[in-house]
C-alpha atoms as a PDB file:
ATOM      1  CA  MET A   1    -114.989 -13.309  78.335  1.00  0.00           C
ATOM      2  CA  ALA A   2    -118.185 -12.070  76.841  1.00  0.00           C
ATOM      3  CA  GLU A   3    -121.032 -14.613  76.558  1.00  0.00           C
ATOM      4  CA  ASP A   4    -124.478 -13.800  75.105  1.00  0.00           C
ATOM      5  CA  GLU A   5    -127.327 -16.247  75.424  1.00  0.00           C
ATOM      6  CA  THR A   6    -129.372 -14.316  72.858  1.00  0.00           C
ATOM      7  CA  PRO A   7    -128.673 -13.997  69.132  1.00  0.00           C
ATOM      8  CA  PRO A   8    -126.451 -11.069  68.164  1.00  0.00           C
ATOM      9  CA  SER A   9    -128.007  -7.679  67.590  1.00  0.00           C
ATOM     10  CA  PRO A  10    -129.341  -7.326  64.045  1.00  0.00           C
ATOM     11  CA  GLU A  11    -127.559  -3.975  63.798  1.00  0.00           C
ATOM     12  CA  VAL A  12    -124.216  -5.777  63.428  1.00  0.00           C
ATOM     13  CA  SER A  13    -123.770  -7.063  59.909  1.00  0.00           C
ATOM     14  CA  GLU A  14    -122.479 -10.610  59.525  1.00  0.00           C
ATOM     15  CA  GLU A  15    -119.432 -11.063  57.330  1.00  0.00           C
ATOM     16  CA  ALA A  16    -119.068 -14.069  55.075  1.00  0.00           C
ATOM     17  CA  HIS A  17    -115.809 -15.524  56.382  1.00  0.00           C
ATOM     18  CA  ALA A  18    -114.501 -19.058  56.662  1.00  0.00           C
ATOM     19  CA  HIS A  19    -114.018 -20.490  60.095  1.00  0.00           C
ATOM     20  CA  PRO A  20    -110.920 -18.744  61.580  1.00  0.00           C
ATOM     21  CA  TRP A  21    -109.961 -21.856  63.568  1.00  0.00           C
ATOM     22  CA  PRO A  22    -111.150 -24.894  61.566  1.00  0.00           C
ATOM     23  CA  TYR A  23    -109.509 -27.341  63.975  1.00  0.00           C
ATOM     24  CA  ILE A  24    -112.140 -26.527  66.632  1.00  0.00           C
ATOM     25  CA  GLN A  25    -115.130 -26.213  64.313  1.00  0.00           C
ATOM     26  CA  THR A  26    -116.654 -29.313  65.907  1.00  0.00           C
ATOM     27  CA  LEU A  27    -116.826 -27.378  69.186  1.00  0.00           C
ATOM     28  CA  PHE A  28    -117.455 -23.797  68.073  1.00  0.00           C
ATOM     29  CA  ALA A  29    -119.249 -22.458  65.006  1.00  0.00           C
ATOM     30  CA  PHE A  30    -118.216 -19.155  63.471  1.00  0.00           C
ATOM     31  CA  GLN A  31    -120.980 -16.535  63.417  1.00  0.00           C
ATOM     32  CA  MET A  32    -119.524 -13.161  62.444  1.00  0.00           C
ATOM     33  CA  THR A  33    -116.678 -10.695  62.918  1.00  0.00           C
ATOM     34  CA  ARG A  34    -117.257  -7.659  65.106  1.00  0.00           C
ATOM     35  CA  ASN A  35    -114.482  -5.077  65.250  1.00  0.00           C
ATOM     36  CA  ASN A  36    -111.348  -6.954  66.419  1.00  0.00           C
ATOM     37  CA  SER A  37    -113.198 -10.053  67.613  1.00  0.00           C
ATOM     38  CA  HIS A  38    -114.794 -13.177  66.202  1.00  0.00           C
ATOM     39  CA  ILE A  39    -118.230 -14.185  67.477  1.00  0.00           C
ATOM     40  CA  MET A  40    -118.261 -17.938  68.010  1.00  0.00           C
ATOM     41  CA  ARG A  41    -121.248 -20.098  68.961  1.00  0.00           C
ATOM     42  CA  CYS A  42    -120.664 -22.981  71.343  1.00  0.00           C
ATOM     43  CA  LEU A  43    -121.974 -26.236  69.881  1.00  0.00           C
ATOM     44  CA  LEU A  44    -121.599 -27.993  73.214  1.00  0.00           C
ATOM     45  CA  CYS A  45    -124.238 -25.742  74.758  1.00  0.00           C
ATOM     46  CA  GLN A  46    -126.943 -26.645  72.216  1.00  0.00           C
ATOM     47  CA  PRO A  47    -129.907 -26.431  72.149  1.00  0.00           C
ATOM     48  CA  LYS A  48    -129.104 -23.390  74.258  1.00  0.00           C
ATOM     49  CA  THR A  49    -127.637 -20.519  72.223  1.00  0.00           C
ATOM     50  CA  VAL A  50    -124.379 -19.214  73.702  1.00  0.00           C
ATOM     51  CA  ASP A  51    -122.236 -16.811  71.661  1.00  0.00           C
ATOM     52  CA  ILE A  52    -118.697 -16.033  72.790  1.00  0.00           C
ATOM     53  CA  SER A  53    -116.555 -13.104  71.729  1.00  0.00           C
ATOM     54  CA  SER A  54    -112.889 -13.977  71.134  1.00  0.00           C
ATOM     55  CA  PHE A  55    -110.041 -11.849  69.859  1.00  0.00           C
ATOM     56  CA  LYS A  56    -108.902 -12.549  66.301  1.00  0.00           C
ATOM     57  CA  ASN A  57    -105.429 -13.605  67.435  1.00  0.00           C
ATOM     58  CA  SER A  58    -106.372 -15.645  70.506  1.00  0.00           C
ATOM     59  CA  THR A  59    -108.694 -18.488  71.491  1.00  0.00           C
ATOM     60  CA  LEU A  60    -108.232 -17.888  75.203  1.00  0.00           C
ATOM     61  CA  ASN A  61    -111.889 -16.919  75.783  1.00  0.00           C
ATOM     62  CA  LEU A  62    -113.009 -20.146  74.133  1.00  0.00           C
ATOM     63  CA  ARG A  63    -110.734 -22.182  76.363  1.00  0.00           C
ATOM     64  CA  LYS A  64    -112.016 -20.390  79.454  1.00  0.00           C
ATOM     65  CA  HIS A  65    -115.578 -21.165  78.415  1.00  0.00           C
ATOM     66  CA  VAL A  66    -114.785 -24.868  78.010  1.00  0.00           C
ATOM     67  CA  MET A  67    -112.993 -24.984  81.369  1.00  0.00           C
ATOM     68  CA  ARG A  68    -115.871 -23.256  83.176  1.00  0.00           C
ATOM     69  CA  VAL A  69    -118.943 -24.754  81.488  1.00  0.00           C
ATOM     70  CA  HIS A  70    -117.716 -28.017  79.909  1.00  0.00           C
ATOM     71  CA  PRO A  71    -114.772 -29.255  81.989  1.00  0.00           C
ATOM     72  CA  ASN A  72    -115.300 -32.811  80.732  1.00  0.00           C
ATOM     73  CA  LYS A  73    -114.583 -31.583  77.172  1.00  0.00           C
ATOM     74  CA  LEU A  74    -111.346 -29.798  78.040  1.00  0.00           C
ATOM     75  CA  LYS A  75    -109.185 -32.723  76.936  1.00  0.00           C
ATOM     76  CA  LEU A  76    -110.973 -32.824  73.575  1.00  0.00           C
ATOM     77  CA  TYR A  77    -110.365 -29.104  73.115  1.00  0.00           C
ATOM     78  CA  THR A  78    -106.686 -29.476  74.059  1.00  0.00           C
ATOM     79  CA  ASP A  79    -106.225 -32.395  71.653  1.00  0.00           C
ATOM     80  CA  CYS A  80    -107.644 -30.328  68.806  1.00  0.00           C
ATOM     81  CA  ILE A  81    -105.185 -27.525  69.536  1.00  0.00           C
ATOM     82  CA  GLU A  82    -102.213 -29.893  69.770  1.00  0.00           C
ATOM     83  CA  ASN A  83    -103.106 -31.691  66.537  1.00  0.00           C
ATOM     84  CA  SER A  84    -103.283 -28.359  64.752  1.00  0.00           C
ATOM     85  CA  ARG A  85     -99.837 -27.373  66.035  1.00  0.00           C
ATOM     86  CA  LYS A  86     -98.336 -30.672  64.906  1.00  0.00           C
ATOM     87  CA  GLN A  87     -99.823 -30.296  61.426  1.00  0.00           C
ATOM     88  CA  ASN A  88     -98.473 -26.763  61.106  1.00  0.00           C
ATOM     89  CA  SER A  89     -94.987 -27.790  62.225  1.00  0.00           C
ATOM     90  CA  SER A  90     -94.743 -30.869  59.976  1.00  0.00           C
ATOM     91  CA  PRO A  91     -93.675 -30.424  56.310  1.00  0.00           C
ATOM     92  CA  ALA A  92     -96.411 -30.451  53.695  1.00  0.00           C
ATOM     93  CA  PRO A  93     -96.913 -33.900  52.108  1.00  0.00           C
ATOM     94  CA  THR A  94     -96.051 -34.375  48.488  1.00  0.00           C
ATOM     95  CA  ASP A  95     -97.700 -36.598  45.907  1.00  0.00           C
ATOM     96  CA  GLU A  96     -94.269 -37.870  44.808  1.00  0.00           C
ATOM     97  CA  PRO A  97     -92.232 -39.217  47.748  1.00  0.00           C
ATOM     98  CA  HIS A  98     -89.260 -39.854  45.490  1.00  0.00           C
ATOM     99  CA  LEU A  99     -89.075 -36.204  44.433  1.00  0.00           C
ATOM    100  CA  LYS A 100     -86.819 -35.240  47.350  1.00  0.00           C
ATOM    101  CA  ASN A 101     -84.369 -38.053  46.604  1.00  0.00           C
ATOM    102  CA  ALA A 102     -84.402 -37.083  42.943  1.00  0.00           C
ATOM    103  CA  LYS A 103     -83.492 -33.489  43.784  1.00  0.00           C
ATOM    104  CA  ILE A 104     -80.619 -34.657  45.998  1.00  0.00           C
ATOM    105  CA  SER A 105     -79.319 -36.950  43.290  1.00  0.00           C
ATOM    106  CA  ALA A 106     -79.533 -34.195  40.697  1.00  0.00           C
ATOM    107  CA  PHE A 107     -77.674 -31.805  42.965  1.00  0.00           C
ATOM    108  CA  SER A 108     -74.955 -34.349  43.755  1.00  0.00           C
ATOM    109  CA  MET A 109     -74.483 -34.989  40.036  1.00  0.00           C
ATOM    110  CA  SER A 110     -74.436 -31.319  39.045  1.00  0.00           C
ATOM    111  CA  VAL A 111     -71.770 -30.221  41.543  1.00  0.00           C
ATOM    112  CA  PRO A 112     -68.958 -32.490  40.268  1.00  0.00           C
ATOM    113  CA  ARG A 113     -69.937 -31.624  36.703  1.00  0.00           C
ATOM    114  CA  ALA A 114     -69.683 -27.895  37.474  1.00  0.00           C
ATOM    115  CA  PHE A 115     -66.147 -28.396  38.796  1.00  0.00           C
ATOM    116  CA  ARG A 116     -65.172 -30.397  35.748  1.00  0.00           C
ATOM    117  CA  VAL A 117     -66.511 -27.786  33.333  1.00  0.00           C
ATOM    118  CA  TYR A 118     -65.564 -24.531  34.987  1.00  0.00           C
ATOM    119  CA  SER A 119     -62.459 -25.365  37.025  1.00  0.00           C
ATOM    120  CA  LYS A 120     -58.970 -24.968  35.609  1.00  0.00           C
ATOM    121  CA  SER A 121     -57.069 -27.990  34.451  1.00  0.00           C
ATOM    122  CA  ASP A 122     -53.925 -29.156  36.202  1.00  0.00           C
ATOM    123  CA  GLU A 123     -51.743 -27.802  33.400  1.00  0.00           C
ATOM    124  CA  GLU A 124     -53.372 -24.354  33.549  1.00  0.00           C
ATOM    125  CA  ALA A 125     -53.016 -24.245  37.336  1.00  0.00           C
ATOM    126  CA  THR A 126     -49.326 -25.166  37.075  1.00  0.00           C
ATOM    127  CA  ASP A 127     -48.690 -22.524  34.427  1.00  0.00           C
ATOM    128  CA  GLU A 128     -50.422 -19.889  36.550  1.00  0.00           C
ATOM    129  CA  GLN A 129     -48.287 -20.779  39.564  1.00  0.00           C
ATOM    130  CA  GLU A 130     -45.134 -20.500  37.498  1.00  0.00           C
ATOM    131  CA  GLU A 131     -46.199 -17.089  36.155  1.00  0.00           C
ATOM    132  CA  ASN A 132     -46.931 -15.755  39.632  1.00  0.00           C
ATOM    133  CA  ALA A 133     -43.729 -17.092  41.162  1.00  0.00           C
ATOM    134  CA  PRO A 134     -41.032 -14.476  41.935  1.00  0.00           C
ATOM    135  CA  ASP A 135     -38.150 -14.328  39.495  1.00  0.00           C
ATOM    136  CA  ASP A 136     -35.392 -13.691  42.045  1.00  0.00           C
ATOM    137  CA  GLU A 137     -35.617 -17.090  43.685  1.00  0.00           C
ATOM    138  CA  GLY A 138     -32.200 -18.567  44.093  1.00  0.00           C
ATOM    139  CA  PRO A 139     -31.288 -22.156  44.770  1.00  0.00           C
ATOM    140  CA  LEU A 140     -32.905 -23.623  47.824  1.00  0.00           C
ATOM    141  CA  GLU A 141     -30.598 -23.719  50.823  1.00  0.00           C
ATOM    142  CA  GLU A 142     -30.447 -26.744  53.009  1.00  0.00           C
ATOM    143  CA  VAL A 143     -32.296 -26.210  56.291  1.00  0.00           C
ATOM    144  CA  GLU A 144     -30.114 -26.598  59.361  1.00  0.00           C
ATOM    145  CA  TYR A 145     -31.858 -27.695  62.563  1.00  0.00           C
ATOM    146  CA  GLN A 146     -30.547 -26.631  65.966  1.00  0.00           C
ATOM    147  CA  ASP A 147     -31.252 -28.345  69.272  1.00  0.00           C
ATOM    148  CA  VAL A 148     -32.468 -25.430  71.386  1.00  0.00           C
ATOM    149  CA  SER A 149     -32.524 -27.409  74.625  1.00  0.00           C
ATOM    150  CA  ALA A 150     -28.851 -28.293  74.245  1.00  0.00           C
ATOM    151  CA  ILE A 151     -27.954 -24.624  73.768  1.00  0.00           C
ATOM    152  CA  LEU A 152     -29.886 -23.545  76.841  1.00  0.00           C
ATOM    153  CA  ASN A 153     -28.470 -26.322  79.005  1.00  0.00           C
ATOM    154  CA  ASP A 154     -24.917 -25.427  78.040  1.00  0.00           C
ATOM    155  CA  ASP A 155     -23.804 -22.820  80.594  1.00  0.00           C
ATOM    156  CA  THR A 156     -21.479 -20.798  78.353  1.00  0.00           C
ATOM    157  CA  GLY A 157     -22.532 -17.354  79.568  1.00  0.00           C
ATOM    158  CA  LEU A 158     -23.954 -16.422  76.181  1.00  0.00           C
ATOM    159  CA  GLU A 159     -27.054 -14.346  75.650  1.00  0.00           C
ATOM    160  CA  TYR A 160     -29.122 -17.464  75.026  1.00  0.00           C
ATOM    161  CA  GLN A 161     -29.297 -18.268  78.717  1.00  0.00           C
ATOM    162  CA  LEU A 162     -32.715 -17.776  80.338  1.00  0.00           C
ATOM    163  CA  PRO A 163     -32.859 -15.790  83.592  1.00  0.00           C
ATOM    164  CA  ARG A 164     -33.237 -17.606  86.874  1.00  0.00           C
ATOM    165  CA  HIS A 165     -36.804 -18.327  87.849  1.00  0.00           C
ATOM    166  CA  HIS A 166     -38.055 -16.160  90.721  1.00  0.00           C
ATOM    167  CA  ARG A 167     -41.266 -16.972  92.532  1.00  0.00           C
ATOM    168  CA  CYS A 168     -43.826 -14.198  92.917  1.00  0.00           C
ATOM    169  CA  ALA A 169     -43.400 -12.466  96.276  1.00  0.00           C
ATOM    170  CA  CYS A 170     -47.060 -11.397  96.444  1.00  0.00           C
ATOM    171  CA  HIS A 171     -48.156 -14.971  95.831  1.00  0.00           C
ATOM    172  CA  LEU A 172     -45.847 -16.267  98.555  1.00  0.00           C
ATOM    173  CA  LEU A 173     -47.132 -13.735 101.081  1.00  0.00           C
ATOM    174  CA  ASN A 174     -50.703 -14.601 100.181  1.00  0.00           C
ATOM    175  CA  LEU A 175     -49.986 -18.299 100.750  1.00  0.00           C
ATOM    176  CA  VAL A 176     -48.402 -17.537 104.113  1.00  0.00           C
ATOM    177  CA  SER A 177     -51.434 -15.550 105.292  1.00  0.00           C
ATOM    178  CA  THR A 178     -53.972 -18.127 104.095  1.00  0.00           C
ATOM    179  CA  THR A 179     -52.789 -21.685 103.428  1.00  0.00           C
ATOM    180  CA  ASP A 180     -49.889 -21.764 105.890  1.00  0.00           C
ATOM    181  CA  ALA A 181     -51.925 -20.034 108.600  1.00  0.00           C
ATOM    182  CA  SER A 182     -54.650 -22.659 108.246  1.00  0.00           C
ATOM    183  CA  ALA A 183     -52.103 -25.471 108.316  1.00  0.00           C
ATOM    184  CA  ALA A 184     -50.676 -24.119 111.578  1.00  0.00           C
ATOM    185  CA  GLU A 185     -53.973 -24.830 113.324  1.00  0.00           C
ATOM    186  CA  VAL A 186     -53.256 -28.559 113.109  1.00  0.00           C
ATOM    187  CA  ASP A 187     -50.166 -28.369 115.339  1.00  0.00           C
ATOM    188  CA  CYS A 188     -51.441 -26.001 118.025  1.00  0.00           C
ATOM    189  CA  GLU A 189     -54.853 -26.451 119.605  1.00  0.00           C
ATOM    190  CA  THR A 190     -54.727 -23.111 121.444  1.00  0.00           C
ATOM    191  CA  TYR A 191     -53.888 -21.214 118.258  1.00  0.00           C
ATOM    192  CA  LYS A 192     -56.675 -23.066 116.449  1.00  0.00           C
ATOM    193  CA  ARG A 193     -59.257 -22.084 119.065  1.00  0.00           C
ATOM    194  CA  LEU A 194     -58.219 -18.415 119.172  1.00  0.00           C
ATOM    195  CA  SER A 195     -57.861 -18.144 115.402  1.00  0.00           C
ATOM    196  CA  ARG A 196     -61.240 -19.621 114.610  1.00  0.00           C
ATOM    197  CA  SER A 197     -62.967 -17.565 117.285  1.00  0.00           C
ATOM    198  CA  ALA A 198     -61.495 -14.291 116.027  1.00  0.00           C
ATOM    199  CA  PHE A 199     -62.072 -15.018 112.340  1.00  0.00           C
ATOM    200  CA  ALA A 200     -65.635 -16.177 113.006  1.00  0.00           C
ATOM    201  CA  LYS A 201     -66.470 -12.757 114.462  1.00  0.00           C
ATOM    202  CA  CYS A 202     -64.698 -10.993 111.593  1.00  0.00           C
ATOM    203  CA  GLN A 203     -66.525 -13.122 109.036  1.00  0.00           C
ATOM    204  CA  ALA A 204     -69.858 -12.266 110.672  1.00  0.00           C
ATOM    205  CA  LEU A 205     -69.023  -8.550 110.387  1.00  0.00           C
ATOM    206  CA  TRP A 206     -67.994  -8.917 106.745  1.00  0.00           C
ATOM    207  CA  ASN A 207     -71.163 -10.821 105.828  1.00  0.00           C
ATOM    208  CA  LYS A 208     -73.509  -8.429 107.613  1.00  0.00           C
ATOM    209  CA  THR A 209     -72.039  -5.246 106.149  1.00  0.00           C
ATOM    210  CA  SER A 210     -71.950  -6.620 102.591  1.00  0.00           C
ATOM    211  CA  ARG A 211     -75.551  -7.895 102.579  1.00  0.00           C
ATOM    212  CA  SER A 212     -77.459  -5.129 104.369  1.00  0.00           C
ATOM    213  CA  THR A 213     -77.620  -1.401 103.695  1.00  0.00           C
ATOM    214  CA  ILE A 214     -78.692  -0.794 107.298  1.00  0.00           C
ATOM    215  CA  ALA A 215     -75.574  -2.579 108.557  1.00  0.00           C
ATOM    216  CA  PHE A 216     -73.473  -0.582 106.096  1.00  0.00           C
ATOM    217  CA  GLU A 217     -74.872   2.692 107.435  1.00  0.00           C
ATOM    218  CA  THR A 218     -74.352   1.532 111.040  1.00  0.00           C
ATOM    219  CA  VAL A 219     -70.648   0.853 110.430  1.00  0.00           C
ATOM    220  CA  GLU A 220     -70.289   4.174 108.652  1.00  0.00           C
ATOM    221  CA  ARG A 221     -71.840   6.005 111.582  1.00  0.00           C
ATOM    222  CA  GLU A 222     -69.877   4.259 114.340  1.00  0.00           C
ATOM    223  CA  CYS A 223     -66.497   3.644 112.694  1.00  0.00           C
ATOM    224  CA  ARG A 224     -66.252   6.281 109.944  1.00  0.00           C
ATOM    225  CA  LEU A 225     -64.707   3.493 107.862  1.00  0.00           C
ATOM    226  CA  GLN A 226     -66.012   0.407 106.151  1.00  0.00           C
ATOM    227  CA  PHE A 227     -64.909  -3.191 106.574  1.00  0.00           C
ATOM    228  CA  LEU A 228     -63.173  -4.834 103.646  1.00  0.00           C
ATOM    229  CA  ARG A 229     -64.423  -8.291 102.662  1.00  0.00           C
ATOM    230  CA  PRO A 230     -61.804 -10.905 101.675  1.00  0.00           C
ATOM    231  CA  ASN A 231     -61.851 -12.313  98.176  1.00  0.00           C
ATOM    232  CA  ASP A 232     -60.290 -15.688  97.388  1.00  0.00           C
ATOM    233  CA  THR A 233     -59.246 -14.559  93.901  1.00  0.00           C
ATOM    234  CA  ARG A 234     -57.487 -11.404  95.095  1.00  0.00           C
ATOM    235  CA  TRP A 235     -54.057 -11.567  96.646  1.00  0.00           C
ATOM    236  CA  SER A 236     -53.607 -10.138 100.155  1.00  0.00           C
ATOM    237  CA  SER A 237     -57.350  -9.478 100.477  1.00  0.00           C
ATOM    238  CA  LEU A 238     -57.534 -11.364 103.782  1.00  0.00           C
ATOM    239  CA  TYR A 239     -54.569  -9.424 105.153  1.00  0.00           C
ATOM    240  CA  LEU A 240     -56.077  -6.089 104.081  1.00  0.00           C
ATOM    241  CA  ALA A 241     -59.452  -7.016 105.603  1.00  0.00           C
ATOM    242  CA  VAL A 242     -57.905  -7.880 108.967  1.00  0.00           C
ATOM    243  CA  GLU A 243     -55.723  -4.763 108.777  1.00  0.00           C
ATOM    244  CA  ARG A 244     -58.852  -2.618 108.385  1.00  0.00           C
ATOM    245  CA  VAL A 245     -60.415  -4.180 111.499  1.00  0.00           C
ATOM    246  CA  VAL A 246     -57.228  -3.466 113.481  1.00  0.00           C
ATOM    247  CA  GLN A 247     -57.157   0.090 112.116  1.00  0.00           C
ATOM    248  CA  ILE A 248     -60.736   0.758 113.256  1.00  0.00           C
ATOM    249  CA  HIS A 249     -59.932  -0.716 116.685  1.00  0.00           C
ATOM    250  CA  LYS A 250     -56.903   1.585 117.068  1.00  0.00           C
ATOM    251  CA  GLU A 251     -58.534   4.778 115.794  1.00  0.00           C
ATOM    252  CA  LYS A 252     -62.082   4.461 117.159  1.00  0.00           C
ATOM    253  CA  GLY A 253     -61.490   2.123 120.064  1.00  0.00           C
ATOM    254  CA  GLU A 254     -63.130  -1.121 121.076  1.00  0.00           C
ATOM    255  CA  SER A 255     -66.407   0.678 121.841  1.00  0.00           C
ATOM    256  CA  ALA A 256     -67.018   1.406 118.143  1.00  0.00           C
ATOM    257  CA  ILE A 257     -66.745  -2.260 117.163  1.00  0.00           C
ATOM    258  CA  ARG A 258     -68.792  -3.285 120.210  1.00  0.00           C
ATOM    259  CA  ASN A 259     -71.580  -0.843 119.215  1.00  0.00           C
ATOM    260  CA  VAL A 260     -71.585  -2.269 115.689  1.00  0.00           C
ATOM    261  CA  CYS A 261     -71.789  -5.852 116.962  1.00  0.00           C
ATOM    262  CA  THR A 262     -74.620  -4.922 119.338  1.00  0.00           C
ATOM    263  CA  ALA A 263     -76.602  -3.216 116.562  1.00  0.00           C
ATOM    264  CA  LEU A 264     -76.077  -6.149 114.192  1.00  0.00           C
ATOM    265  CA  ASN A 265     -76.693  -8.865 116.828  1.00  0.00           C
ATOM    266  CA  ILE A 266     -73.187 -10.293 116.574  1.00  0.00           C
ATOM    267  CA  LYS A 267     -71.668 -11.934 119.634  1.00  0.00           C
ATOM    268  CA  MET A 268     -68.481 -10.344 120.953  1.00  0.00           C
END
């Protein structure tokens, strides 16, 4: 923000312009335009002369001046800005309040009239339909309705019979490896303890390798394979993830997984 406590240099010619922001003319007086800026004089600083340079498309420098020098006038400045915005957003007043209602009434009266004048009459519309109708229409046949459910329920061996419903094998296997396996923990406390302990360690490995590039590189270096993370919306994803852990254990040995857990601070 540029502030000058002395009058502007006489070398700069003053342009005869109206106040660029009339809603704050009680706070700042317009002096001149210099390049891309307006030179405004603060009226709150009188009798001291303080000129402020502000861009043509922004009053930010003026606001900063009020906040720094006249903080008690900041609310007044803000109210002036808000009132200006409300006036610009509201529709312009008219000298005849009933004009809008008159226009609506005229429009509502003209639309039905336009349909009456320019639309075809019922007789013309009927004649046009008869002209466009195909000539080879024969007598209308009576529609015969058939009860489809009765045909399907009647086991006559005809082609109308629907095939027997078969449940999806992939879906069943996915339920066995997820829902049924979790339900089995209720009946056996030993299985519950071992299952949750093993899957907790696997889940820690899956989370670490999917959230950290360093962990990803560590697994790649030690195991030469990457862990697969289960996805609830993908069938058999849990089975494939556990299968990959078993595969790494068989091919690289327990030491590879132990080294990964040590590097990633996962308890074995």
